[in-house]
Amino acid sequence: MKMLRPYSLWTTAGVALFLAAGIFLGTGRFGAGVGLMVASAVCLGAGMTSHRRWIKKNGSD
């Protein structure tokens, strides 16, 4: 079984949080929606950093 790369896990988590935040914002729950948007930005940022480190260490994808 092939192991998933760390940056793909962070990106998946960020996208899932972004979609959940959109649902919360769409239903009028702004506090929860904004909180999930912040968490999404943190996860996507961690994914980009992890991807950059992966490329530095292992060459290209």
N, C-alpha and C. Protein backbone atom coordinates (compact mmCIF):
# COMPACT_ATOMS: atom_id res chain seq x y z
N MET A 1 0.84 -1.18 0.00
CA MET A 1 0.00 0.00 0.00
C MET A 1 0.89 1.25 0.00
N LYS A 2 0.56 2.19 -0.85
CA LYS A 2 1.35 3.41 -0.97
C LYS A 2 0.96 4.39 0.14
N MET A 3 1.98 4.94 0.78
CA MET A 3 1.72 5.92 1.84
C MET A 3 1.37 7.27 1.23
N LEU A 4 0.44 7.96 1.85
CA LEU A 4 0.09 9.30 1.40
C LEU A 4 1.16 10.29 1.84
N ARG A 5 1.41 11.26 1.02
CA ARG A 5 2.40 12.28 1.37
C ARG A 5 1.77 13.25 2.36
N PRO A 6 2.59 13.79 3.27
CA PRO A 6 2.04 14.67 4.32
C PRO A 6 1.31 15.89 3.76
N TYR A 7 1.81 16.45 2.66
CA TYR A 7 1.16 17.66 2.14
C TYR A 7 -0.21 17.35 1.57
N SER A 8 -0.43 16.13 1.09
CA SER A 8 -1.76 15.80 0.58
C SER A 8 -2.77 15.66 1.72
N LEU A 9 -2.32 15.18 2.88
CA LEU A 9 -3.21 15.09 4.04
C LEU A 9 -3.61 16.48 4.53
N TRP A 10 -2.63 17.41 4.62
CA TRP A 10 -2.94 18.77 5.04
C TRP A 10 -3.87 19.46 4.06
N THR A 11 -3.65 19.25 2.77
CA THR A 11 -4.50 19.88 1.76
C THR A 11 -5.91 19.35 1.82
N THR A 12 -6.06 18.04 2.00
CA THR A 12 -7.39 17.43 2.11
C THR A 12 -8.14 17.97 3.33
N ALA A 13 -7.43 18.08 4.45
CA ALA A 13 -8.06 18.62 5.66
C ALA A 13 -8.47 20.08 5.44
N GLY A 14 -7.63 20.86 4.78
CA GLY A 14 -7.94 22.26 4.52
C GLY A 14 -9.15 22.44 3.63
N VAL A 15 -9.24 21.61 2.59
CA VAL A 15 -10.39 21.69 1.68
C VAL A 15 -11.68 21.28 2.39
N ALA A 16 -11.60 20.23 3.21
CA ALA A 16 -12.79 19.79 3.95
C ALA A 16 -13.26 20.88 4.91
N LEU A 17 -12.33 21.52 5.59
CA LEU A 17 -12.70 22.61 6.51
C LEU A 17 -13.28 23.80 5.74
N PHE A 18 -12.72 24.08 4.56
CA PHE A 18 -13.23 25.19 3.75
C PHE A 18 -14.67 24.94 3.33
N LEU A 19 -14.97 23.71 2.92
CA LEU A 19 -16.35 23.38 2.52
C LEU A 19 -17.31 23.46 3.70
N ALA A 20 -16.86 22.96 4.86
CA ALA A 20 -17.70 23.04 6.06
C ALA A 20 -17.94 24.50 6.45
N ALA A 21 -16.92 25.33 6.33
CA ALA A 21 -17.07 26.75 6.65
C ALA A 21 -18.06 27.41 5.71
N GLY A 22 -18.03 27.05 4.43
CA GLY A 22 -18.99 27.60 3.48
C GLY A 22 -20.42 27.24 3.84
N ILE A 23 -20.62 26.02 4.31
CA ILE A 23 -21.96 25.60 4.73
C ILE A 23 -22.41 26.40 5.95
N PHE A 24 -21.50 26.55 6.93
CA PHE A 24 -21.85 27.33 8.12
C PHE A 24 -22.14 28.79 7.78
N LEU A 25 -21.31 29.37 6.91
CA LEU A 25 -21.56 30.77 6.53
C LEU A 25 -22.86 30.90 5.73
N GLY A 26 -23.16 29.90 4.92
CA GLY A 26 -24.38 29.94 4.13
C GLY A 26 -25.64 29.83 4.96
N THR A 27 -25.53 29.16 6.11
CA THR A 27 -26.70 29.01 6.98
C THR A 27 -26.78 30.10 8.05
N GLY A 28 -25.84 31.05 8.02
CA GLY A 28 -25.93 32.18 8.94
C GLY A 28 -25.16 32.02 10.23
N ARG A 29 -24.39 30.97 10.37
CA ARG A 29 -23.60 30.78 11.60
C ARG A 29 -22.20 31.35 11.37
N PHE A 30 -22.09 32.67 11.54
CA PHE A 30 -20.88 33.38 11.14
C PHE A 30 -19.70 33.09 12.06
N GLY A 31 -19.93 32.91 13.35
CA GLY A 31 -18.83 32.63 14.27
C GLY A 31 -18.13 31.33 13.93
N ALA A 32 -18.93 30.28 13.76
CA ALA A 32 -18.36 28.97 13.41
C ALA A 32 -17.74 29.00 12.02
N GLY A 33 -18.38 29.69 11.09
CA GLY A 33 -17.86 29.76 9.73
C GLY A 33 -16.52 30.45 9.64
N VAL A 34 -16.38 31.56 10.36
CA VAL A 34 -15.11 32.29 10.35
C VAL A 34 -14.03 31.47 11.04
N GLY A 35 -14.37 30.81 12.11
CA GLY A 35 -13.40 29.96 12.80
C GLY A 35 -12.90 28.83 11.91
N LEU A 36 -13.80 28.22 11.16
CA LEU A 36 -13.40 27.15 10.26
C LEU A 36 -12.60 27.69 9.08
N MET A 37 -12.90 28.92 8.63
CA MET A 37 -12.09 29.52 7.57
C MET A 37 -10.65 29.73 8.04
N VAL A 38 -10.48 30.17 9.28
CA VAL A 38 -9.14 30.36 9.83
C VAL A 38 -8.42 29.01 9.92
N ALA A 39 -9.11 27.99 10.40
CA ALA A 39 -8.51 26.66 10.49
C ALA A 39 -8.15 26.13 9.10
N SER A 40 -8.99 26.42 8.13
CA SER A 40 -8.72 26.00 6.75
C SER A 40 -7.46 26.68 6.22
N ALA A 41 -7.32 27.97 6.48
CA ALA A 41 -6.13 28.70 6.03
C ALA A 41 -4.87 28.15 6.67
N VAL A 42 -4.95 27.79 7.94
CA VAL A 42 -3.79 27.21 8.63
C VAL A 42 -3.42 25.86 8.02
N CYS A 43 -4.41 25.02 7.76
CA CYS A 43 -4.14 23.70 7.17
C CYS A 43 -3.57 23.82 5.76
N LEU A 44 -4.12 24.73 4.95
CA LEU A 44 -3.61 24.90 3.59
C LEU A 44 -2.20 25.48 3.60
N GLY A 45 -1.93 26.38 4.54
CA GLY A 45 -0.57 26.91 4.68
C GLY A 45 0.42 25.85 5.10
N ALA A 46 0.00 24.99 6.02
CA ALA A 46 0.88 23.88 6.44
C ALA A 46 1.11 22.91 5.29
N GLY A 47 0.08 22.71 4.47
CA GLY A 47 0.24 21.84 3.30
C GLY A 47 1.22 22.40 2.29
N MET A 48 1.17 23.72 2.06
CA MET A 48 2.11 24.34 1.12
C MET A 48 3.54 24.26 1.65
N THR A 49 3.71 24.49 2.95
CA THR A 49 5.04 24.41 3.54
C THR A 49 5.57 22.99 3.48
N SER A 50 4.71 22.02 3.78
CA SER A 50 5.12 20.63 3.72
C SER A 50 5.49 20.21 2.30
N HIS A 51 4.75 20.71 1.32
CA HIS A 51 5.05 20.40 -0.07
C HIS A 51 6.40 20.98 -0.47
N ARG A 52 6.68 22.19 -0.05
CA ARG A 52 7.96 22.83 -0.36
C ARG A 52 9.11 22.04 0.25
N ARG A 53 8.94 21.58 1.50
CA ARG A 53 9.99 20.78 2.15
C ARG A 53 10.16 19.44 1.45
N TRP A 54 9.06 18.83 1.01
CA TRP A 54 9.12 17.55 0.31
C TRP A 54 9.93 17.69 -0.99
N ILE A 55 9.68 18.77 -1.73
CA ILE A 55 10.38 18.98 -2.99
C ILE A 55 11.88 19.23 -2.73
N LYS A 56 12.19 19.99 -1.68
CA LYS A 56 13.58 20.25 -1.34
C LYS A 56 14.31 18.96 -0.99
N LYS A 57 13.63 18.08 -0.27
CA LYS A 57 14.25 16.85 0.21
C LYS A 57 14.32 15.78 -0.86
N ASN A 58 13.26 15.61 -1.63
CA ASN A 58 13.15 14.47 -2.55
C ASN A 58 13.19 14.85 -4.03
N GLY A 59 13.47 16.06 -4.34
CA GLY A 59 13.42 16.47 -5.75
C GLY A 59 12.01 16.88 -6.11
N SER A 60 11.55 16.44 -7.25
CA SER A 60 10.19 16.81 -7.69
C SER A 60 9.18 15.82 -7.15
N ASP A 61 7.89 16.05 -7.50
CA ASP A 61 6.82 15.15 -7.06
C ASP A 61 7.06 13.80 -7.66
